[in-house]
C-alpha atoms as a PDB file:
ATOM      1  CA  LEU A   1     -41.613 117.280  50.241  1.00  0.00           C
ATOM      2  CA  GLN A   2     -43.653 114.283  49.205  1.00  0.00           C
ATOM      3  CA  LEU A   3     -40.751 112.227  47.771  1.00  0.00           C
ATOM      4  CA  LYS A   4     -43.056 109.247  46.872  1.00  0.00           C
ATOM      5  CA  LYS A   5     -45.337 111.155  44.767  1.00  0.00           C
ATOM      6  CA  ARG A   6     -42.655 113.595  43.240  1.00  0.00           C
ATOM      7  CA  LEU A   7     -39.663 111.253  42.536  1.00  0.00           C
ATOM      8  CA  SER A   8     -39.316 108.621  39.877  1.00  0.00           C
ATOM      9  CA  VAL A   9     -37.219 105.777  40.117  1.00  0.00           C
ATOM     10  CA  GLY A  10     -33.520 106.824  39.947  1.00  0.00           C
ATOM     11  CA  ILE A  11     -31.149 108.745  42.016  1.00  0.00           C
ATOM     12  CA  HIS A  12     -32.055 112.390  42.398  1.00  0.00           C
ATOM     13  CA  TYR A  13     -29.967 115.315  43.565  1.00  0.00           C
ATOM     14  CA  VAL A  14     -31.477 117.160  46.480  1.00  0.00           C
ATOM     15  CA  LYS A  15     -30.486 120.334  48.356  1.00  0.00           C
ATOM     16  CA  LEU A  16     -32.283 120.792  51.413  1.00  0.00           C
ATOM     17  CA  ILE A  17     -32.061 124.810  52.688  1.00  0.00           C
ATOM     18  CA  VAL A  18     -32.881 126.274  56.239  1.00  0.00           C
ATOM     19  CA  HIS A  19     -34.863 129.550  55.519  1.00  0.00           C
ATOM     20  CA  GLY A  20     -33.581 130.997  58.813  1.00  0.00           C
ATOM     21  CA  ASP A  21     -29.761 131.058  58.331  1.00  0.00           C
ATOM     22  CA  HIS A  22     -29.410 129.592  54.625  1.00  0.00           C
ATOM     23  CA  SER A  23     -27.365 126.645  56.031  1.00  0.00           C
ATOM     24  CA  PHE A  24     -27.885 123.875  53.553  1.00  0.00           C
ATOM     25  CA  LEU A  25     -27.410 120.102  52.726  1.00  0.00           C
ATOM     26  CA  ASP A  26     -26.757 118.379  49.280  1.00  0.00           C
ATOM     27  CA  LEU A  27     -27.625 114.726  49.127  1.00  0.00           C
ATOM     28  CA  TYR A  28     -28.731 112.068  46.888  1.00  0.00           C
ATOM     29  CA  VAL A  29     -31.987 110.410  47.173  1.00  0.00           C
ATOM     30  CA  ALA A  30     -32.566 106.867  45.846  1.00  0.00           C
ATOM     31  CA  VAL A  31     -35.794 105.583  44.613  1.00  0.00           C
ATOM     32  CA  ALA A  32     -35.136 102.010  43.717  1.00  0.00           C
ATOM     33  CA  PRO A  33     -37.426  99.544  42.215  1.00  0.00           C
ATOM     34  CA  VAL A  34     -38.117  96.075  43.414  1.00  0.00           C
ATOM     35  CA  GLY A  35     -35.503  93.589  42.042  1.00  0.00           C
ATOM     36  CA  GLU A  36     -32.548  96.577  42.172  1.00  0.00           C
ATOM     37  CA  GLN A  37     -29.393  94.794  42.723  1.00  0.00           C
ATOM     38  CA  PHE A  38     -26.607  96.269  44.800  1.00  0.00           C
ATOM     39  CA  VAL A  39     -22.949  95.278  45.806  1.00  0.00           C
ATOM     40  CA  VAL A  40     -21.954  96.061  49.308  1.00  0.00           C
ATOM     41  CA  PHE A  41     -18.564  97.218  50.718  1.00  0.00           C
ATOM     42  CA  SER A  42     -17.955  97.711  54.320  1.00  0.00           C
ATOM     43  CA  VAL A  43     -15.564 100.818  54.705  1.00  0.00           C
ATOM     44  CA  ASP A  44     -13.536  99.671  57.849  1.00  0.00           C
ATOM     45  CA  GLY A  45     -11.203  96.723  57.330  1.00  0.00           C
ATOM     46  CA  SER A  46     -12.442  96.137  53.779  1.00  0.00           C
ATOM     47  CA  LEU A  47     -11.604  99.383  52.072  1.00  0.00           C
ATOM     48  CA  THR A  48      -8.960 100.722  54.525  1.00  0.00           C
ATOM     49  CA  ALA A  49      -5.606  98.944  55.322  1.00  0.00           C
ATOM     50  CA  SER A  50      -5.974 100.324  58.839  1.00  0.00           C
ATOM     51  CA  VAL A  51      -9.057 100.461  61.346  1.00  0.00           C
ATOM     52  CA  SER A  52      -9.927 104.043  61.515  1.00  0.00           C
ATOM     53  CA  VAL A  53     -10.794 106.825  59.048  1.00  0.00           C
ATOM     54  CA  THR A  54     -10.305 109.458  61.706  1.00  0.00           C
ATOM     55  CA  GLY A  55      -7.021 111.384  62.754  1.00  0.00           C
ATOM     56  CA  ARG A  56      -4.928 110.267  59.597  1.00  0.00           C
ATOM     57  CA  ASP A  57      -5.341 109.427  56.045  1.00  0.00           C
ATOM     58  CA  PRO A  58      -5.333 105.445  56.192  1.00  0.00           C
ATOM     59  CA  ARG A  59      -3.822 103.472  53.513  1.00  0.00           C
ATOM     60  CA  VAL A  60      -6.385 102.060  50.879  1.00  0.00           C
ATOM     61  CA  ARG A  61      -6.013  98.166  50.603  1.00  0.00           C
ATOM     62  CA  PRO A  62      -4.292  97.466  47.385  1.00  0.00           C
ATOM     63  CA  GLY A  63      -6.526  96.796  44.675  1.00  0.00           C
ATOM     64  CA  VAL A  64      -9.901  97.328  46.307  1.00  0.00           C
ATOM     65  CA  VAL A  65     -10.807 100.449  44.247  1.00  0.00           C
ATOM     66  CA  ASP A  66     -10.179  98.485  40.995  1.00  0.00           C
ATOM     67  CA  VAL A  67     -12.663  95.666  42.305  1.00  0.00           C
ATOM     68  CA  VAL A  68     -15.169  98.427  43.405  1.00  0.00           C
ATOM     69  CA  ARG A  69     -14.997  99.963  39.886  1.00  0.00           C
ATOM     70  CA  TYR A  70     -15.476  96.382  38.294  1.00  0.00           C
ATOM     71  CA  TRP A  71     -18.768  95.794  40.052  1.00  0.00           C
ATOM     72  CA  HIS A  72     -19.827  99.559  39.279  1.00  0.00           C
ATOM     73  CA  ASP A  73     -18.862  99.313  35.498  1.00  0.00           C
ATOM     74  CA  LEU A  74     -21.016  96.270  35.264  1.00  0.00           C
ATOM     75  CA  GLY A  75     -23.802  98.309  36.228  1.00  0.00           C
ATOM     76  CA  TYR A  76     -24.511  97.632  39.903  1.00  0.00           C
ATOM     77  CA  THR A  77     -25.076 100.302  42.514  1.00  0.00           C
ATOM     78  CA  ILE A  78     -22.559 100.583  45.073  1.00  0.00           C
ATOM     79  CA  ILE A  79     -23.419 100.667  48.975  1.00  0.00           C
ATOM     80  CA  TYR A  80     -20.780 101.792  51.300  1.00  0.00           C
ATOM     81  CA  ILE A  81     -21.736 100.766  54.693  1.00  0.00           C
ATOM     82  CA  THR A  82     -20.105 101.376  58.044  1.00  0.00           C
ATOM     83  CA  ALA A  83     -21.314 101.257  61.691  1.00  0.00           C
ATOM     84  CA  ARG A  84     -19.931 104.897  62.425  1.00  0.00           C
ATOM     85  CA  PRO A  85     -22.412 107.658  63.411  1.00  0.00           C
ATOM     86  CA  ASP A  86     -23.773 110.066  60.569  1.00  0.00           C
ATOM     87  CA  MET A  87     -21.840 112.716  61.997  1.00  0.00           C
ATOM     88  CA  GLN A  88     -18.560 111.222  60.232  1.00  0.00           C
ATOM     89  CA  HIS A  89     -20.317 111.485  56.859  1.00  0.00           C
ATOM     90  CA  LYS A  90     -18.076 114.334  55.393  1.00  0.00           C
ATOM     91  CA  VAL A  91     -14.877 112.777  56.567  1.00  0.00           C
ATOM     92  CA  VAL A  92     -15.649 109.431  55.282  1.00  0.00           C
ATOM     93  CA  ALA A  93     -17.236 110.745  52.094  1.00  0.00           C
ATOM     94  CA  LEU A  94     -13.839 112.961  51.407  1.00  0.00           C
ATOM     95  CA  TRP A  95     -11.702 109.987  52.215  1.00  0.00           C
ATOM     96  CA  LEU A  96     -13.816 107.840  49.290  1.00  0.00           C
ATOM     97  CA  ALA A  97     -13.428 110.951  46.979  1.00  0.00           C
ATOM     98  CA  LEU A  98      -9.767 111.431  47.565  1.00  0.00           C
ATOM     99  CA  HIS A  99      -9.035 107.774  46.826  1.00  0.00           C
ATOM    100  CA  ASN A 100     -11.349 107.674  43.539  1.00  0.00           C
ATOM    101  CA  PHE A 101     -13.936 105.306  44.693  1.00  0.00           C
ATOM    102  CA  PRO A 102     -16.942 105.346  42.499  1.00  0.00           C
ATOM    103  CA  HIS A 103     -20.299 106.849  43.121  1.00  0.00           C
ATOM    104  CA  GLY A 104     -22.340 104.694  45.654  1.00  0.00           C
ATOM    105  CA  LEU A 105     -24.818 105.140  48.550  1.00  0.00           C
ATOM    106  CA  LEU A 106     -23.025 105.638  51.932  1.00  0.00           C
ATOM    107  CA  ILE A 107     -24.772 104.178  54.749  1.00  0.00           C
ATOM    108  CA  PHE A 108     -24.140 105.212  58.462  1.00  0.00           C
ATOM    109  CA  THR A 109     -25.549 104.336  61.826  1.00  0.00           C
ATOM    110  CA  PRO A 110     -28.367 107.140  62.797  1.00  0.00           C
ATOM    111  CA  SER A 111     -26.770 107.888  66.040  1.00  0.00           C
ATOM    112  CA  PHE A 112     -24.018 106.156  68.484  1.00  0.00           C
ATOM    113  CA  SER A 113     -24.977 102.562  69.160  1.00  0.00           C
ATOM    114  CA  THR A 114     -23.760 100.090  71.789  1.00  0.00           C
ATOM    115  CA  ASP A 115     -24.407  97.409  69.079  1.00  0.00           C
ATOM    116  CA  PRO A 116     -23.017  98.957  65.856  1.00  0.00           C
ATOM    117  CA  LEU A 117     -22.966  95.403  64.034  1.00  0.00           C
ATOM    118  CA  ARG A 118     -26.674  94.777  64.608  1.00  0.00           C
ATOM    119  CA  GLN A 119     -27.251  98.268  63.217  1.00  0.00           C
ATOM    120  CA  LYS A 120     -25.650  97.119  60.027  1.00  0.00           C
ATOM    121  CA  VAL A 121     -27.837  93.822  60.013  1.00  0.00           C
ATOM    122  CA  LEU A 122     -31.008  96.016  60.467  1.00  0.00           C
ATOM    123  CA  HIS A 123     -30.077  98.145  57.514  1.00  0.00           C
ATOM    124  CA  LEU A 124     -29.469  95.358  55.169  1.00  0.00           C
ATOM    125  CA  LYS A 125     -32.454  93.541  56.208  1.00  0.00           C
ATOM    126  CA  ASN A 126     -34.369  96.694  55.741  1.00  0.00           C
ATOM    127  CA  TYR A 127     -33.317  96.909  52.088  1.00  0.00           C
ATOM    128  CA  LEU A 128     -33.950  93.249  51.426  1.00  0.00           C
ATOM    129  CA  GLU A 129     -37.578  93.180  52.946  1.00  0.00           C
ATOM    130  CA  MET A 130     -38.200  96.020  50.398  1.00  0.00           C
ATOM    131  CA  GLY A 131     -37.554  93.800  47.589  1.00  0.00           C
ATOM    132  CA  LEU A 132     -33.930  94.641  46.721  1.00  0.00           C
ATOM    133  CA  PHE A 133     -30.989  92.257  46.115  1.00  0.00           C
ATOM    134  CA  ILE A 134     -27.565  92.177  47.417  1.00  0.00           C
ATOM    135  CA  THR A 135     -25.409  90.407  44.529  1.00  0.00           C
ATOM    136  CA  ALA A 136     -22.245  90.604  46.536  1.00  0.00           C
ATOM    137  CA  ALA A 137     -21.009  91.790  50.082  1.00  0.00           C
ATOM    138  CA  TYR A 138     -17.332  92.519  50.993  1.00  0.00           C
ATOM    139  CA  GLY A 139     -15.993  93.121  54.425  1.00  0.00           C
ATOM    140  CA  SER A 140     -13.509  91.873  57.184  1.00  0.00           C
ATOM    141  CA  SER A 141     -14.161  88.767  59.027  1.00  0.00           C
ATOM    142  CA  LYS A 142     -16.452  90.453  61.542  1.00  0.00           C
ATOM    143  CA  ASP A 143     -18.645  91.557  58.817  1.00  0.00           C
ATOM    144  CA  VAL A 144     -19.402  87.786  57.763  1.00  0.00           C
ATOM    145  CA  SER A 145     -22.075  87.528  60.446  1.00  0.00           C
ATOM    146  CA  VAL A 146     -23.475  90.632  59.593  1.00  0.00           C
ATOM    147  CA  TYR A 147     -24.170  89.777  56.013  1.00  0.00           C
ATOM    148  CA  SER A 148     -25.447  86.212  56.946  1.00  0.00           C
ATOM    149  CA  SER A 149     -27.764  87.474  59.487  1.00  0.00           C
ATOM    150  CA  ALA A 150     -29.054  89.858  56.810  1.00  0.00           C
ATOM    151  CA  GLY A 151     -29.724  87.176  54.544  1.00  0.00           C
ATOM    152  CA  VAL A 152     -26.769  87.343  51.928  1.00  0.00           C
ATOM    153  CA  LYS A 153     -25.930  83.960  50.654  1.00  0.00           C
ATOM    154  CA  PRO A 154     -22.496  82.553  51.769  1.00  0.00           C
ATOM    155  CA  ASN A 155     -21.180  82.044  48.408  1.00  0.00           C
ATOM    156  CA  ARG A 156     -21.702  85.754  47.770  1.00  0.00           C
ATOM    157  CA  ILE A 157     -19.969  87.017  51.005  1.00  0.00           C
ATOM    158  CA  PHE A 158     -16.327  87.911  50.649  1.00  0.00           C
ATOM    159  CA  SER A 159     -13.912  88.310  53.671  1.00  0.00           C
ATOM    160  CA  VAL A 160     -10.566  90.078  53.173  1.00  0.00           C
ATOM    161  CA  THR A 161      -9.001  89.703  56.726  1.00  0.00           C
ATOM    162  CA  GLY A 162      -8.537  86.194  57.372  1.00  0.00           C
ATOM    163  CA  GLY A 163      -9.925  82.744  57.213  1.00  0.00           C
ATOM    164  CA  LYS A 164     -13.847  82.486  58.124  1.00  0.00           C
ATOM    165  CA  ARG A 165     -16.512  79.935  57.449  1.00  0.00           C
ATOM    166  CA  GLY A 166     -19.620  80.817  55.656  1.00  0.00           C
ATOM    167  CA  CYS A 167     -17.997  82.919  53.205  1.00  0.00           C
ATOM    168  CA  THR A 168     -15.303  83.367  50.470  1.00  0.00           C
ATOM    169  CA  ASN A 169     -12.087  84.229  51.822  1.00  0.00           C
ATOM    170  CA  ILE A 170      -9.864  86.215  49.428  1.00  0.00           C
ATOM    171  CA  ASN A 171      -6.146  86.750  49.952  1.00  0.00           C
ATOM    172  CA  CYS A 172      -6.024  90.011  47.868  1.00  0.00           C
ATOM    173  CA  TYR A 173      -8.070  92.242  45.638  1.00  0.00           C
ATOM    174  CA  ALA A 174      -5.781  91.753  42.713  1.00  0.00           C
ATOM    175  CA  SER A 175      -6.184  88.148  42.697  1.00  0.00           C
ATOM    176  CA  HIS A 176      -9.898  88.416  43.340  1.00  0.00           C
ATOM    177  CA  LEU A 177      -9.990  90.892  40.292  1.00  0.00           C
ATOM    178  CA  LYS A 178      -8.454  88.438  38.256  1.00  0.00           C
ATOM    179  CA  ASP A 179     -11.067  85.602  39.429  1.00  0.00           C
ATOM    180  CA  LEU A 180     -13.698  88.066  38.472  1.00  0.00           C
ATOM    181  CA  ASN A 181     -12.565  88.693  34.846  1.00  0.00           C
ATOM    182  CA  GLU A 182     -11.999  85.178  34.345  1.00  0.00           C
ATOM    183  CA  GLY A 183     -15.662  84.358  34.948  1.00  0.00           C
ATOM    184  CA  LEU A 184     -15.176  82.301  38.202  1.00  0.00           C
ATOM    185  CA  TYR A 185     -18.301  83.843  39.849  1.00  0.00           C
ATOM    186  CA  ASP A 186     -21.208  83.152  37.841  1.00  0.00           C
ATOM    187  CA  PHE A 187     -23.503  86.013  39.425  1.00  0.00           C
ATOM    188  CA  ALA A 188     -21.056  88.599  38.260  1.00  0.00           C
ATOM    189  CA  LYS A 189     -22.864  89.444  35.250  1.00  0.00           C
ATOM    190  CA  PRO A 190     -23.742  92.809  33.592  1.00  0.00           C
ATOM    191  CA  PHE A 191     -26.910  94.447  35.323  1.00  0.00           C
ATOM    192  CA  ASP A 192     -28.826  97.484  34.017  1.00  0.00           C
ATOM    193  CA  SER A 193     -29.183  99.650  36.891  1.00  0.00           C
ATOM    194  CA  SER A 194     -32.115 101.891  37.239  1.00  0.00           C
ATOM    195  CA  LEU A 195     -30.124 104.057  39.879  1.00  0.00           C
ATOM    196  CA  ILE A 196     -27.986 106.373  37.832  1.00  0.00           C
ATOM    197  CA  PHE A 197     -26.213 109.170  39.414  1.00  0.00           C
ATOM    198  CA  PRO A 198     -27.229 112.685  37.793  1.00  0.00           C
ATOM    199  CA  GLN A 199     -24.857 114.915  36.520  1.00  0.00           C
ATOM    200  CA  THR A 200     -25.130 118.105  38.402  1.00  0.00           C
ATOM    201  CA  ASN A 201     -23.487 121.478  38.132  1.00  0.00           C
ATOM    202  CA  SER A 202     -24.036 121.989  41.902  1.00  0.00           C
ATOM    203  CA  SER A 203     -21.060 123.097  44.040  1.00  0.00           C
ATOM    204  CA  ASN A 204     -19.487 120.311  46.008  1.00  0.00           C
ATOM    205  CA  ILE A 205     -16.789 120.339  48.730  1.00  0.00           C
ATOM    206  CA  LEU A 206     -13.952 118.781  46.517  1.00  0.00           C
ATOM    207  CA  ASN A 207     -14.648 121.742  43.718  1.00  0.00           C
ATOM    208  CA  ARG A 208     -14.926 124.614  46.170  1.00  0.00           C
ATOM    209  CA  ARG A 209     -11.844 123.709  48.347  1.00  0.00           C
ATOM    210  CA  ASN A 210      -9.434 122.228  45.915  1.00  0.00           C
ATOM    211  CA  LEU A 211      -8.816 119.069  48.081  1.00  0.00           C
ATOM    212  CA  ILE A 212      -8.344 116.972  45.011  1.00  0.00           C
ATOM    213  CA  ARG A 213      -8.471 117.442  41.299  1.00  0.00           C
ATOM    214  CA  ARG A 214     -10.444 114.363  40.063  1.00  0.00           C
ATOM    215  CA  THR A 215     -13.833 114.903  41.327  1.00  0.00           C
ATOM    216  CA  ASN A 216     -16.278 113.089  39.113  1.00  0.00           C
ATOM    217  CA  SER A 217     -16.244 109.887  41.416  1.00  0.00           C
ATOM    218  CA  PHE A 218     -17.731 110.174  44.509  1.00  0.00           C
ATOM    219  CA  ASN A 219     -19.553 113.237  45.785  1.00  0.00           C
ATOM    220  CA  PRO A 220     -19.996 114.150  49.485  1.00  0.00           C
ATOM    221  CA  ARG A 221     -22.481 116.115  51.022  1.00  0.00           C
ATOM    222  CA  SER A 222     -21.785 119.971  51.125  1.00  0.00           C
ATOM    223  CA  GLY A 223     -21.291 121.710  54.656  1.00  0.00           C
ATOM    224  CA  ARG A 224     -22.666 124.652  56.110  1.00  0.00           C
ATOM    225  CA  GLN A 225     -20.465 127.454  55.255  1.00  0.00           C
ATOM    226  CA  LEU A 226     -18.354 127.280  51.996  1.00  0.00           C
ATOM    227  CA  SER A 227     -15.878 130.023  53.387  1.00  0.00           C
ATOM    228  CA  GLU A 228     -14.795 128.074  56.517  1.00  0.00           C
ATOM    229  CA  LYS A 229     -11.790 126.217  56.666  1.00  0.00           C
ATOM    230  CA  SER A 230     -12.133 122.468  56.372  1.00  0.00           C
ATOM    231  CA  ARG A 231      -9.629 119.580  57.390  1.00  0.00           C
ATOM    232  CA  LEU A 232      -9.935 116.349  55.522  1.00  0.00           C
ATOM    233  CA  LEU A 233      -9.041 114.176  58.319  1.00  0.00           C
END
């Protein structure tokens, strides 16, 4: 599949199928133009109220879904980034879907890494070097250096877990959302994104397994066998 020649600018639904056993993978491929703008959210610590999303369903930080939707409704493409290995994609994607986070690109570390924060930096630097732009970036205090090293401006970095230099510290998402709505940040302006998630009739995990009722927010990739029992966490 020669993606560069066959896919236009936008977000495309792709199904990869293994001819031998008919196992498959559902995914989205983003083809972004130079100048496309994103808003980045680090999953652990900034979306969750606990450190891990394995073993149990962690609480969502109050108000964070509203803030993510604020940026999404302005027209920005959301990037959810984590230092976790990509083998945890299904677990994290289902957690995002369960809590009604809007569609976004979910970025993982390709494999286990001894320096996961550096992997985050490399991911973001790669996007910036391709001519993309990060309008705002949210994370915990440990993510501040990640965003700064990647080239994000200090006034566009938001930390939600304690005082940290080189960023804007926010006490809670509810008050931050109020500031956004009142125009405190002049860069929070409507943006006409070229990356619109397509509507598809393809089956996804959430519909097939009835894990949640609302499924029009975040669609995770499908698994190998639709009949096998799946645990959310």
